[in-house]
C-alpha atoms as a PDB file:
ATOM      1  CA  MET A   1      18.449  33.028  36.174  1.00  0.00           C
ATOM      2  CA  SER A   2      18.464  29.142  36.151  1.00  0.00           C
ATOM      3  CA  LYS A   3      21.431  27.132  37.280  1.00  0.00           C
ATOM      4  CA  TRP A   4      22.755  24.700  34.612  1.00  0.00           C
ATOM      5  CA  TRP A   5      22.165  21.643  36.883  1.00  0.00           C
ATOM      6  CA  GLN A   6      18.386  22.634  37.032  1.00  0.00           C
ATOM      7  CA  PHE A   7      17.670  21.594  33.328  1.00  0.00           C
ATOM      8  CA  TRP A   8      15.356  18.920  34.539  1.00  0.00           C
ATOM      9  CA  LYS A   9      12.890  21.215  35.842  1.00  0.00           C
ATOM     10  CA  LYS A  10       9.724  20.855  33.482  1.00  0.00           C
ATOM     11  CA  GLU A  11       8.024  23.778  31.930  1.00  0.00           C
ATOM     12  CA  GLU A  12       4.282  24.485  32.332  1.00  0.00           C
ATOM     13  CA  LYS A  13       2.380  24.587  29.119  1.00  0.00           C
ATOM     14  CA  SER A  14      -1.085  26.070  28.647  1.00  0.00           C
ATOM     15  CA  SER A  15      -3.947  23.673  28.592  1.00  0.00           C
ATOM     16  CA  ASN A  16      -4.964  25.136  25.076  1.00  0.00           C
ATOM     17  CA  ALA A  17      -1.765  24.362  23.270  1.00  0.00           C
ATOM     18  CA  ILE A  18      -1.829  20.875  24.668  1.00  0.00           C
ATOM     19  CA  ARG A  19      -5.453  20.305  23.602  1.00  0.00           C
ATOM     20  CA  SER A  20      -4.690  21.585  20.027  1.00  0.00           C
ATOM     21  CA  ILE A  21      -1.789  19.408  19.848  1.00  0.00           C
ATOM     22  CA  MET A  22      -3.604  16.345  20.641  1.00  0.00           C
ATOM     23  CA  GLN A  23      -6.460  17.158  18.264  1.00  0.00           C
ATOM     24  CA  ARG A  24      -4.030  17.670  15.394  1.00  0.00           C
ATOM     25  CA  ASN A  25      -2.161  14.386  16.134  1.00  0.00           C
ATOM     26  CA  SER A  26      -5.154  12.144  16.488  1.00  0.00           C
ATOM     27  CA  ALA A  27      -5.030   8.725  14.701  1.00  0.00           C
ATOM     28  CA  THR A  28      -7.370   8.080  11.728  1.00  0.00           C
ATOM     29  CA  TRP A  29      -8.123   4.401  11.088  1.00  0.00           C
ATOM     30  CA  SER A  30      -9.376   3.064   7.818  1.00  0.00           C
ATOM     31  CA  ALA A  31     -12.224   0.361   7.557  1.00  0.00           C
ATOM     32  CA  ARG A  32     -10.884  -3.281   8.189  1.00  0.00           C
ATOM     33  CA  GLU A  33     -11.935  -4.631   4.872  1.00  0.00           C
ATOM     34  CA  PHE A  34      -9.589  -6.089   2.178  1.00  0.00           C
ATOM     35  CA  VAL A  35     -11.227  -4.022  -0.466  1.00  0.00           C
ATOM     36  CA  ALA A  36     -10.751  -0.829   1.476  1.00  0.00           C
ATOM     37  CA  PHE A  37      -6.930  -1.808   2.256  1.00  0.00           C
ATOM     38  CA  ALA A  38      -6.375  -2.643  -1.312  1.00  0.00           C
ATOM     39  CA  THR A  39      -7.984   0.571  -2.647  1.00  0.00           C
ATOM     40  CA  GLU A  40      -6.063   2.670  -0.143  1.00  0.00           C
ATOM     41  CA  GLY A  41      -2.635   1.010  -0.838  1.00  0.00           C
ATOM     42  CA  TYR A  42      -3.108   1.243  -4.590  1.00  0.00           C
ATOM     43  CA  ARG A  43      -4.372   4.876  -4.678  1.00  0.00           C
ATOM     44  CA  ASP A  44      -1.972   6.317  -2.003  1.00  0.00           C
ATOM     45  CA  ASN A  45       1.234   4.378  -2.447  1.00  0.00           C
ATOM     46  CA  PRO A  46       3.434   4.676  -5.405  1.00  0.00           C
ATOM     47  CA  THR A  47       5.460   1.465  -4.572  1.00  0.00           C
ATOM     48  CA  VAL A  48       2.343  -0.673  -4.558  1.00  0.00           C
ATOM     49  CA  ARG A  49       1.476   0.646  -7.973  1.00  0.00           C
ATOM     50  CA  ALA A  50       4.989  -0.107  -9.195  1.00  0.00           C
ATOM     51  CA  CYS A  51       4.723  -3.592  -8.026  1.00  0.00           C
ATOM     52  CA  ILE A  52       1.368  -4.159  -9.671  1.00  0.00           C
ATOM     53  CA  MET A  53       2.712  -2.788 -12.860  1.00  0.00           C
ATOM     54  CA  ALA A  54       5.723  -5.021 -12.823  1.00  0.00           C
ATOM     55  CA  LYS A  55       3.624  -8.149 -11.940  1.00  0.00           C
ATOM     56  CA  GLN A  56       1.554  -7.012 -15.122  1.00  0.00           C
ATOM     57  CA  LYS A  57       4.408  -6.623 -17.361  1.00  0.00           C
ATOM     58  CA  ALA A  58       5.777  -9.859 -16.368  1.00  0.00           C
ATOM     59  CA  ALA A  59       2.497 -11.716 -16.758  1.00  0.00           C
ATOM     60  CA  ILE A  60       1.996 -10.377 -20.397  1.00  0.00           C
ATOM     61  CA  GLU A  61       5.350 -11.378 -21.352  1.00  0.00           C
ATOM     62  CA  CYS A  62       4.841 -14.948 -20.107  1.00  0.00           C
ATOM     63  CA  PRO A  63       4.293 -17.206 -23.100  1.00  0.00           C
ATOM     64  CA  ILE A  64       1.015 -19.281 -23.093  1.00  0.00           C
ATOM     65  CA  ILE A  65       1.065 -22.571 -24.957  1.00  0.00           C
ATOM     66  CA  LEU A  66      -2.010 -24.846 -25.086  1.00  0.00           C
ATOM     67  CA  VAL A  67      -1.323 -28.506 -25.578  1.00  0.00           C
ATOM     68  CA  ASN A  68      -3.789 -31.485 -26.232  1.00  0.00           C
ATOM     69  CA  GLU A  69      -3.871 -34.750 -24.511  1.00  0.00           C
ATOM     70  CA  LYS A  70      -1.097 -36.015 -26.616  1.00  0.00           C
ATOM     71  CA  GLY A  71       1.400 -33.127 -25.730  1.00  0.00           C
ATOM     72  CA  GLU A  72       1.164 -31.345 -29.237  1.00  0.00           C
ATOM     73  CA  ALA A  73       1.037 -27.516 -29.310  1.00  0.00           C
ATOM     74  CA  VAL A  74      -2.520 -26.324 -30.451  1.00  0.00           C
ATOM     75  CA  GLU A  75      -2.300 -23.193 -32.707  1.00  0.00           C
ATOM     76  CA  ASN A  76      -5.976 -22.112 -33.071  1.00  0.00           C
ATOM     77  CA  HIS A  77      -8.282 -22.536 -30.228  1.00  0.00           C
ATOM     78  CA  PRO A  78     -11.176 -20.184 -28.796  1.00  0.00           C
ATOM     79  CA  ILE A  79      -9.605 -20.134 -25.425  1.00  0.00           C
ATOM     80  CA  LEU A  80      -6.267 -18.715 -26.806  1.00  0.00           C
ATOM     81  CA  ALA A  81      -8.295 -15.667 -28.417  1.00  0.00           C
ATOM     82  CA  LEU A  82      -9.809 -14.928 -24.935  1.00  0.00           C
ATOM     83  CA  LEU A  83      -6.259 -15.164 -23.319  1.00  0.00           C
END
């Protein structure tokens, strides 16, 4: 029977249990490339996807007005068809 003041005595654990814990909690590192970080962030993170979708919607709603050198709006131009 242990005494209440002997709570600091550490317990011995088997080496197999420690080894299995260390193997399960090992770190995994991704490649240090921008494309890998972006792909992983977009694929695995719903917050990143939501932010990108919000930026897309804001860009779509942004009005684009083409003006000539006089400052007048141009209605028909090939670049407007591309945008």
